[in-house]
Structures are given as C-alpha cells and as structure tokens.
Amino acid sequence: MLRALARVDLAAIERNCATLARVAAPARLCAVVKADGYGHGAVPAALAAQAGGAVWLAVATAQEAAALRAGGVGGPLLVMGALGAEELTIALCAAADVVAWRTGFAAALAAHPDARDAGVHVKLDTGMGRLGTRDAAEARDVADAVTAAPALRLAGAMTHLATADDDPAFAREQLARFAPWAEAVRARHPDAAPLVHAANSAAALGLPESRLDMVRCGIAVYGMDPFQRDPAEHGLEPALELSSYLAEVKPVAAGESAGYGRRFVASAPTWIGTVPVGYADGVRRALTNDLDVLVDGRRVPLVGTVSMDNITVDLGPDPPARGAPVVLLGAQGGERVTAEEWARRLRTINYEVTCGISARVPRAHHRGGGPA
C-alpha cells in the first residue's frame, strides 16, 4: 500500500478537452501542459489532450518543450515564456514556436543557427503587465522583422487576459485594444495568416468574443473550474485523485492531544487516525485544523498540525480499521473533496493545489480505472 498516490484519469482529460473544443469551435484548442501538466504529468496529459481534440500544446519553458518531444509528443507546440540564449536553442531544437515582442530578440532569433522555419508569435501587452510590449508600433515592427527573415515564420499574434475569471469588463477592454492591432498585423502580412489568440480557460468558457482563432486552456483541461466554484457547472471532470490510508488508529481520551504544538486537544473521548501524508507531499501546513478528508465514504476533519509526513484525523467514536483508504482530493461514496474546496480554505486558487503536489507522490495514470 502506497503512503500517498495521485491517480490521474487520462480519459477525464480527454473528455474535458472534447468539451472545450466544442465550446471554442470553430476556434482551435491549445492545451496548456506547463508545470508538469499542472501536476498531472505533462507527457500523458499532452497525449490525452490531443486525443480529446487539442490541436496545439503550450508550455512555459524550453525544457518543458524538450521533455514533451523526448516523451514522443508531436504536433504544434508553443513556448510562451521568456527565453535566454541557451533556452532559445533548446526550444528551437524541440521544433517549438516561440514568443517575441522586442526587435532585438527578433533579430537574434533570425540569426540563430537552429532557426529553420521557426514559428514566432508576437505578443502585445494589453493589460497583464508582464511579458509583451505595450507599444503597438514596436509589436508591429517585430512582426515585420519576423516576416522579413527567411528562417522565421509569423505564426501568431497574441495577448494574455488578466481578469477573465473575475472582471470580464477589463478583459473586454483588453480585447478592444488587442483586436485592431491583431487585424492590422494580419492585413499587413496576409500570406503569413498568423493565428490570433488571447483566451485562457475562463475567457474560453465565459467570453465568447475572446475565442478568436485559438483558445489556450490550462486549468479547465484538468477538470478544475477557472472561476473557483464547481467544475461540474461547465461539464468538466476533475482528473486527479489524491489518496492515502490510515496507518494508525488509536483511542484518545479527553484532554489528550495530537500533533506538533498540541493544536488539537480532544474535548471528549474519540479515535484518531494517522494518515502518512504531509506538507512535503503537498498538503499545506495552512490546512492545520481546516480540512476534511474522506474515510468510509464520509467526511472526517483533519485535526492538529499538518507535519512534513503525517496528518491526523478525528474518526469519531466508531473508527474504521487500520489500512482503510483515505481520499484527500476526489470522491468516495457519495462525498467529494475538490481542489476548489482546498483553495477556498487556503485562500488561494485551485491551480496551486495540484501544482503543489510534490514529486515524491507517485502519479498513476489510468483511463476510467483501466489501463492507460
């Protein structure tokens, strides 16, 4: 019995992508598989996303692109992050498209020995305030430089929306700044026919006007809600289950405690179960005395301090036996615990929950319980 296991249903990822592809059509679906597929495993997630209808894949780093290619993943691939000289070489050798927004970078890219029909997506910063140029003329000049370079190909014109999940009005302001510039680039370079793209998961689901030629969906691919409510509202299925087991079950008398710092002291006799998973696995210490887990199909509270390798739960007066399965994320019986619930308790977002499940937790990929 494994002390902790993250089971990832690739069939759920495939179905989520099929749902997103239907919603976005006729725009193409780009599945974002950065950060090891948001903690789900990048290569298996990428292949499942492609099987579900994703035409493009996107990552943040050159090393992530190289890992996908080494894992046998083909198809169009975009590296969205900033690239230094060494990283640029890795990205180009992985046959990945890259993002540009400065003329100096475009010149260096055009002169790069590994740039052979390299796809470039020019990025205009319309309000995210991170990567990209806010100067529409400079972004236009970058597009001109790309089309003028024999080794390069103008593959896209893009921006990134900052508030599609909670402030659609500002997202629409961004689109209003982006659309005229993108159309001007397309008109200026009709032979290039660059893909125009802006939407993330929240925009793809909630702002139809943002879908354009392609949507870049990340969190929704894995069955989590970009609006931090309930993925079922959008027909999405969480793909990851985090499980463990009761390694110990013992009686606790009133006044006895569990865990570092005695942050739980029993007010009445009960039974305490020890679950061998902790903050080194991704169960954040901030969940101390503030999480429910599933045992025997019912919710039981986490009590006491989350430690590096163990948590304790209050099983009540009628405990299950040692070895009973424990679900920390996922469903058991008629109950479920979602990443959105963890995020609300942690005052964060569901992205951080699955990305935070550490590498020491094995991933087991399957398809609806069967072989992957």
Protein backbone atom coordinates (compact mmCIF):
# COMPACT_ATOMS: atom_id res chain seq x y z
CA MET A 1 0.00 0.00 0.00
CA LEU A 2 1.48 3.34 -1.03
CA ARG A 3 1.66 6.07 1.59
CA ALA A 4 0.37 8.56 -0.98
CA LEU A 5 -0.76 8.25 -4.56
CA ALA A 6 -2.05 10.69 -7.16
CA ARG A 7 -4.23 8.80 -9.63
CA VAL A 8 -4.81 10.69 -12.88
CA ASP A 9 -7.67 9.71 -15.18
CA LEU A 10 -6.50 10.42 -18.71
CA ALA A 11 -9.97 9.70 -20.04
CA ALA A 12 -11.24 12.65 -17.99
CA ILE A 13 -8.60 14.92 -19.53
CA GLU A 14 -9.63 13.70 -22.97
CA ARG A 15 -13.31 14.36 -22.25
CA ASN A 16 -12.54 17.80 -20.82
CA CYS A 17 -10.66 18.70 -23.99
CA ALA A 18 -13.50 17.43 -26.14
CA THR A 19 -15.86 19.68 -24.15
CA LEU A 20 -13.57 22.69 -24.51
CA ALA A 21 -13.06 22.05 -28.21
CA ARG A 22 -16.84 22.01 -28.74
CA VAL A 23 -17.28 25.21 -26.75
CA ALA A 24 -14.49 27.02 -28.60
CA ALA A 25 -15.29 25.85 -32.14
CA PRO A 26 -14.50 26.98 -34.75
CA ALA A 27 -11.51 28.29 -32.81
CA ARG A 28 -8.75 25.75 -32.23
CA LEU A 29 -7.97 24.37 -28.79
CA CYS A 30 -4.47 24.77 -27.36
CA ALA A 31 -3.97 22.69 -24.19
CA VAL A 32 -1.50 24.22 -21.73
CA VAL A 33 0.62 21.47 -20.17
CA LYS A 34 3.24 23.54 -18.36
CA ALA A 35 4.30 22.80 -14.76
CA ASP A 36 4.22 19.06 -15.45
CA GLY A 37 0.68 19.32 -16.71
CA TYR A 38 -0.40 21.31 -13.62
CA GLY A 39 0.88 18.42 -11.52
CA HIS A 40 -0.86 15.70 -13.57
CA GLY A 41 2.13 14.56 -15.66
CA ALA A 42 2.95 16.54 -18.78
CA VAL A 43 3.51 13.81 -21.36
CA PRO A 44 0.44 11.66 -20.52
CA ALA A 45 -1.71 14.79 -20.17
CA ALA A 46 -0.49 16.15 -23.51
CA LEU A 47 -1.28 12.92 -25.33
CA ALA A 48 -4.73 12.73 -23.71
CA ALA A 49 -5.40 16.37 -24.61
CA GLN A 50 -4.50 15.71 -28.23
CA ALA A 51 -6.78 12.66 -28.27
CA GLY A 52 -9.57 14.93 -26.97
CA GLY A 53 -9.18 17.47 -29.74
CA ALA A 54 -6.34 19.80 -28.75
CA VAL A 55 -4.60 20.93 -31.94
CA TRP A 56 -1.86 22.88 -30.15
CA LEU A 57 0.04 22.41 -26.90
CA ALA A 58 1.69 25.16 -24.86
CA VAL A 59 4.32 25.24 -22.12
CA ALA A 60 6.20 27.94 -20.24
CA THR A 61 9.81 26.83 -20.66
CA ALA A 62 12.11 25.42 -23.29
CA GLN A 63 12.97 22.50 -21.04
CA GLU A 64 9.28 21.60 -20.83
CA ALA A 65 9.09 21.59 -24.63
CA ALA A 66 12.13 19.33 -24.88
CA ALA A 67 10.65 16.92 -22.32
CA LEU A 68 7.45 16.62 -24.34
CA ARG A 69 9.38 15.84 -27.51
CA ALA A 70 11.55 13.32 -25.65
CA GLY A 71 8.33 11.68 -24.46
CA GLY A 72 7.12 11.20 -28.01
CA VAL A 73 4.67 14.11 -28.16
CA GLY A 74 4.31 15.59 -31.63
CA GLY A 75 2.20 18.36 -33.09
CA PRO A 76 2.33 22.16 -32.86
CA LEU A 77 3.95 23.36 -29.64
CA LEU A 78 4.31 26.88 -28.25
CA VAL A 79 6.78 28.01 -25.59
CA MET A 80 5.07 31.01 -24.01
CA GLY A 81 7.75 32.16 -21.57
CA ALA A 82 10.81 34.39 -21.81
CA LEU A 83 13.84 32.70 -23.35
CA GLY A 84 17.53 33.33 -22.78
CA ALA A 85 20.09 32.35 -25.41
CA GLU A 86 20.61 28.80 -24.14
CA GLU A 87 16.88 28.25 -23.66
CA LEU A 88 16.15 29.55 -27.15
CA THR A 89 18.42 26.88 -28.59
CA ILE A 90 16.58 24.20 -26.63
CA ALA A 91 13.20 25.48 -27.81
CA LEU A 92 14.23 25.63 -31.46
CA CYS A 93 15.75 22.14 -31.32
CA ALA A 94 12.42 20.93 -29.94
CA ALA A 95 10.69 22.39 -33.03
CA ALA A 96 8.63 24.65 -30.79
CA ASP A 97 7.22 28.03 -31.69
CA VAL A 98 8.39 30.92 -29.52
CA VAL A 99 7.05 34.31 -28.42
CA ALA A 100 8.69 37.63 -29.32
CA TRP A 101 7.94 41.25 -28.50
CA ARG A 102 11.29 43.09 -28.86
CA THR A 103 13.03 43.81 -32.15
CA GLY A 104 16.39 42.84 -30.66
CA PHE A 105 15.10 39.38 -29.79
CA ALA A 106 13.62 39.02 -33.26
CA ALA A 107 17.00 39.89 -34.81
CA ALA A 108 18.81 37.38 -32.60
CA LEU A 109 16.23 34.75 -33.46
CA ALA A 110 16.59 35.41 -37.20
CA ALA A 111 20.36 34.91 -36.92
CA HIS A 112 20.17 31.78 -34.78
CA PRO A 113 21.75 28.74 -36.47
CA ASP A 114 18.89 26.46 -35.36
CA ALA A 115 16.15 28.77 -36.67
CA ARG A 116 14.72 26.97 -39.69
CA ASP A 117 11.12 27.90 -40.44
CA ALA A 118 10.78 28.80 -36.77
CA GLY A 119 7.29 29.89 -35.79
CA VAL A 120 7.04 33.17 -33.90
CA HIS A 121 4.03 34.58 -32.02
CA VAL A 122 4.23 38.33 -31.45
CA LYS A 123 2.87 39.42 -28.08
CA LEU A 124 1.15 42.71 -27.31
CA ASP A 125 0.71 43.53 -23.62
CA THR A 126 -2.84 44.86 -23.37
CA GLY A 127 -3.12 44.89 -19.60
CA MET A 128 -1.49 41.88 -17.95
CA GLY A 129 1.62 43.98 -17.35
CA ARG A 130 4.11 41.14 -17.61
CA LEU A 131 5.65 39.85 -20.84
CA GLY A 132 4.99 41.56 -24.15
CA THR A 133 5.32 45.15 -25.28
CA ARG A 134 2.70 47.79 -24.61
CA ASP A 135 3.89 49.68 -27.69
CA ALA A 136 1.69 48.59 -30.61
CA ALA A 137 4.16 50.09 -33.10
CA GLU A 138 7.03 48.09 -31.64
CA ALA A 139 4.96 44.90 -31.78
CA ARG A 140 4.14 45.71 -35.42
CA ASP A 141 7.85 46.18 -36.13
CA VAL A 142 8.59 42.79 -34.57
CA ALA A 143 6.01 41.18 -36.86
CA ASP A 144 7.62 42.94 -39.84
CA ALA A 145 11.08 41.72 -38.82
CA VAL A 146 9.84 38.16 -38.48
CA THR A 147 8.26 38.10 -41.93
CA ALA A 148 11.38 39.63 -43.43
CA ALA A 149 13.64 36.88 -42.05
CA PRO A 150 13.90 33.79 -44.29
CA ALA A 151 14.42 31.49 -41.27
CA LEU A 152 11.33 32.71 -39.43
CA ARG A 153 7.58 32.39 -39.86
CA LEU A 154 4.94 34.72 -38.39
CA ALA A 155 2.74 32.10 -36.73
CA GLY A 156 0.69 34.12 -34.28
CA ALA A 157 -0.41 37.41 -32.76
CA MET A 158 -1.29 37.10 -29.08
CA THR A 159 -2.08 38.73 -25.79
CA HIS A 160 -2.95 37.45 -22.32
CA LEU A 161 -6.06 38.38 -20.36
CA ALA A 162 -5.61 39.38 -16.73
CA THR A 163 -9.13 39.22 -15.30
CA ALA A 164 -11.31 36.92 -17.39
CA ASP A 165 -12.17 34.93 -14.26
CA ASP A 166 -13.39 37.81 -12.10
CA ASP A 167 -13.59 41.09 -14.07
CA PRO A 168 -14.89 40.49 -17.60
CA ALA A 169 -15.24 44.23 -18.18
CA PHE A 170 -11.48 44.72 -18.02
CA ALA A 171 -10.95 41.64 -20.17
CA ARG A 172 -13.17 43.24 -22.80
CA GLU A 173 -11.08 46.42 -22.58
CA GLN A 174 -8.02 44.32 -23.30
CA LEU A 175 -9.73 42.70 -26.27
CA ALA A 176 -10.70 46.13 -27.57
CA ARG A 177 -7.03 47.15 -27.52
CA PHE A 178 -5.84 43.87 -28.99
CA ALA A 179 -8.28 43.21 -31.83
CA PRO A 180 -7.47 46.25 -34.03
CA TRP A 181 -3.73 45.67 -33.68
CA ALA A 182 -4.03 41.95 -34.47
CA GLU A 183 -6.21 42.62 -37.50
CA ALA A 184 -3.74 45.23 -38.74
CA VAL A 185 -0.90 42.70 -38.41
CA ARG A 186 -2.92 40.13 -40.30
CA ALA A 187 -3.77 42.65 -43.04
CA ARG A 188 -0.13 43.73 -43.25
CA HIS A 189 1.04 40.12 -43.66
CA PRO A 190 -1.79 38.28 -45.45
CA ASP A 191 0.45 35.49 -46.69
CA ALA A 192 1.52 34.63 -43.14
CA ALA A 193 -2.06 34.24 -41.84
CA PRO A 194 -0.97 34.33 -38.18
CA LEU A 195 -3.24 32.75 -35.57
CA VAL A 196 -4.82 35.42 -33.37
CA HIS A 197 -5.24 34.23 -29.76
CA ALA A 198 -5.97 35.68 -26.34
CA ALA A 199 -8.33 33.47 -24.33
CA ASN A 200 -7.41 31.39 -21.31
CA SER A 201 -9.79 28.86 -19.71
CA ALA A 202 -12.01 31.46 -18.07
CA ALA A 203 -12.29 33.53 -21.24
CA ALA A 204 -12.89 30.48 -23.43
CA LEU A 205 -15.82 29.49 -21.21
CA GLY A 206 -17.18 32.91 -20.29
CA LEU A 207 -16.27 35.40 -23.05
CA PRO A 208 -17.25 34.06 -26.48
CA GLU A 209 -15.84 37.14 -28.22
CA SER A 210 -12.36 36.25 -26.90
CA ARG A 211 -12.09 32.88 -28.67
CA LEU A 212 -10.76 34.31 -31.96
CA ASP A 213 -8.63 31.74 -33.84
CA MET A 214 -7.47 29.74 -30.83
CA VAL A 215 -8.06 29.40 -27.08
CA ARG A 216 -5.27 28.49 -24.66
CA CYS A 217 -6.87 26.40 -21.92
CA GLY A 218 -4.94 25.23 -18.90
CA ILE A 219 -6.84 24.64 -15.66
CA ALA A 220 -10.03 23.50 -17.40
CA VAL A 221 -8.15 20.76 -19.26
CA TYR A 222 -7.63 19.05 -15.91
CA GLY A 223 -11.25 19.38 -14.85
CA MET A 224 -10.92 22.32 -12.50
CA ASP A 225 -13.02 25.47 -12.52
CA PRO A 226 -11.26 28.68 -13.62
CA PHE A 227 -13.93 30.59 -11.71
CA GLN A 228 -13.06 28.72 -8.47
CA ARG A 229 -16.57 27.35 -7.94
CA ASP A 230 -17.56 23.93 -9.25
CA PRO A 231 -16.16 22.32 -12.41
CA ALA A 232 -19.44 20.48 -12.96
CA GLU A 233 -21.03 23.83 -13.86
CA HIS A 234 -19.03 23.68 -17.10
CA GLY A 235 -19.25 19.95 -17.73
CA LEU A 236 -15.69 19.40 -16.53
CA GLU A 237 -14.41 16.37 -14.60
CA PRO A 238 -11.51 16.59 -12.13
CA ALA A 239 -8.84 14.23 -13.39
CA LEU A 240 -6.72 13.86 -10.25
CA GLU A 241 -7.40 11.93 -7.06
CA LEU A 242 -5.01 12.16 -4.11
CA SER A 243 -5.26 9.21 -1.73
CA SER A 244 -3.54 7.63 1.24
CA TYR A 245 -4.61 5.29 4.06
CA LEU A 246 -4.96 5.04 7.84
CA ALA A 247 -1.53 3.99 9.01
CA GLU A 248 -2.58 4.05 12.65
CA VAL A 249 -5.85 4.24 14.59
CA LYS A 250 -5.77 4.86 18.35
CA PRO A 251 -8.10 5.98 21.14
CA VAL A 252 -7.67 9.45 22.58
CA ALA A 253 -9.11 10.48 25.93
CA ALA A 254 -10.47 13.92 26.74
CA GLY A 255 -7.51 16.24 27.32
CA GLU A 256 -5.10 14.25 25.17
CA SER A 257 -3.62 15.82 22.07
CA ALA A 258 -2.35 15.02 18.59
CA GLY A 259 0.40 16.64 16.56
CA TYR A 260 3.09 19.26 17.00
CA GLY A 261 2.25 22.12 19.32
CA ARG A 262 -0.88 20.36 20.71
CA ARG A 263 -3.05 22.36 18.32
CA PHE A 264 -5.73 19.72 18.78
CA VAL A 265 -6.79 18.66 22.24
CA ALA A 266 -9.72 16.23 22.47
CA SER A 267 -12.73 17.62 24.30
CA ALA A 268 -14.24 14.14 24.60
CA PRO A 269 -13.07 10.56 24.02
CA THR A 270 -12.58 9.80 20.33
CA TRP A 271 -10.37 7.87 17.91
CA ILE A 272 -7.54 9.49 15.99
CA GLY A 273 -6.28 8.20 12.65
CA THR A 274 -2.81 8.99 11.34
CA VAL A 275 -2.56 9.44 7.56
CA PRO A 276 1.04 9.26 6.26
CA VAL A 277 0.96 12.32 4.05
CA GLY A 278 2.01 15.88 4.87
CA TYR A 279 3.27 19.19 3.60
CA ALA A 280 6.22 17.58 1.84
CA ASP A 281 3.60 15.86 -0.32
CA GLY A 282 1.53 18.99 -0.95
CA VAL A 283 -0.90 19.03 1.98
CA ARG A 284 -0.15 22.57 3.05
CA ARG A 285 0.55 23.33 6.70
CA ALA A 286 -2.02 26.12 6.48
CA LEU A 287 -4.68 23.35 6.38
CA THR A 288 -4.00 22.61 10.05
CA ASN A 289 -7.39 22.07 11.72
CA ASP A 290 -9.05 23.13 8.45
CA LEU A 291 -9.62 20.27 6.01
CA ASP A 292 -11.99 17.34 5.58
CA VAL A 293 -10.84 14.03 4.14
CA LEU A 294 -12.94 11.05 3.10
CA VAL A 295 -12.89 7.78 5.03
CA ASP A 296 -15.52 5.07 4.55
CA GLY A 297 -17.45 7.43 2.29
CA ARG A 298 -17.84 10.13 4.95
CA ARG A 299 -16.10 13.38 5.74
CA VAL A 300 -13.83 13.43 8.76
CA PRO A 301 -11.92 16.50 9.92
CA LEU A 302 -8.17 16.94 9.87
CA VAL A 303 -7.19 17.81 13.44
CA GLY A 304 -3.87 19.01 14.73
CA THR A 305 -0.85 20.36 12.91
CA VAL A 306 -0.04 19.25 9.37
CA SER A 307 3.52 17.96 9.61
CA MET A 308 6.02 17.10 6.90
CA ASP A 309 4.98 13.47 6.58
CA ASN A 310 1.75 12.94 8.54
CA ILE A 311 -1.65 14.36 9.34
CA THR A 312 -4.14 13.25 11.97
CA VAL A 313 -7.91 13.00 11.55
CA ASP A 314 -10.74 12.67 14.06
CA LEU A 315 -12.55 9.41 13.27
CA GLY A 316 -15.17 9.76 15.98
CA PRO A 317 -16.42 7.01 18.29
CA ASP A 318 -16.74 4.24 15.67
CA PRO A 319 -13.49 4.17 13.69
CA PRO A 320 -12.61 2.07 10.67
CA ALA A 321 -9.71 -0.34 10.88
CA ARG A 322 -6.10 0.47 10.20
CA GLY A 323 -5.40 0.33 6.49
CA ALA A 324 -8.71 1.91 5.45
CA PRO A 325 -8.38 4.08 2.30
CA VAL A 326 -8.35 7.85 2.70
CA VAL A 327 -9.20 10.28 -0.11
CA LEU A 328 -7.83 13.80 0.24
CA LEU A 329 -8.82 15.01 -3.24
CA GLY A 330 -11.52 13.22 -5.16
CA ALA A 331 -14.67 11.23 -4.49
CA GLN A 332 -15.55 8.36 -2.19
CA GLY A 333 -19.06 7.05 -1.74
CA GLY A 334 -21.41 9.97 -2.21
CA GLU A 335 -18.92 12.57 -0.97
CA ARG A 336 -16.20 14.53 -2.77
CA VAL A 337 -13.41 16.94 -1.91
CA THR A 338 -12.35 19.25 -4.73
CA ALA A 339 -9.29 21.37 -5.40
CA GLU A 340 -11.64 24.34 -5.27
CA GLU A 341 -12.53 23.45 -1.67
CA TRP A 342 -8.85 23.26 -0.72
CA ALA A 343 -8.28 26.59 -2.44
CA ARG A 344 -11.09 28.30 -0.52
CA ARG A 345 -9.71 27.06 2.77
CA LEU A 346 -6.19 28.13 1.81
CA ARG A 347 -7.33 31.46 0.35
CA THR A 348 -5.60 30.62 -2.90
CA ILE A 349 -6.58 29.14 -6.28
CA ASN A 350 -7.05 25.57 -7.46
CA TYR A 351 -4.01 25.88 -9.75
CA GLU A 352 -1.73 25.98 -6.71
CA VAL A 353 -3.35 22.90 -5.18
CA THR A 354 -2.47 20.40 -7.90
CA CYS A 355 0.80 22.09 -8.87
CA GLY A 356 1.77 21.81 -5.21
CA ILE A 357 1.50 18.01 -5.05
CA SER A 358 5.16 17.16 -4.82
CA ALA A 359 7.28 14.87 -6.94
CA ARG A 360 7.58 12.34 -4.12
CA VAL A 361 3.92 11.46 -4.61
CA PRO A 362 3.79 8.85 -7.40
CA ARG A 363 1.44 9.52 -10.31
CA ALA A 364 -0.58 6.57 -11.57
CA HIS A 365 -2.18 7.21 -14.94
CA HIS A 366 -5.29 5.29 -15.93
CA ARG A 367 -8.33 5.56 -18.15
CA GLY A 368 -11.55 5.29 -16.16
CA GLY A 369 -9.90 2.85 -13.79
CA GLY A 370 -8.46 0.70 -16.57
CA PRO A 371 -5.05 0.66 -18.24
CA ALA A 372 -3.70 3.97 -19.51
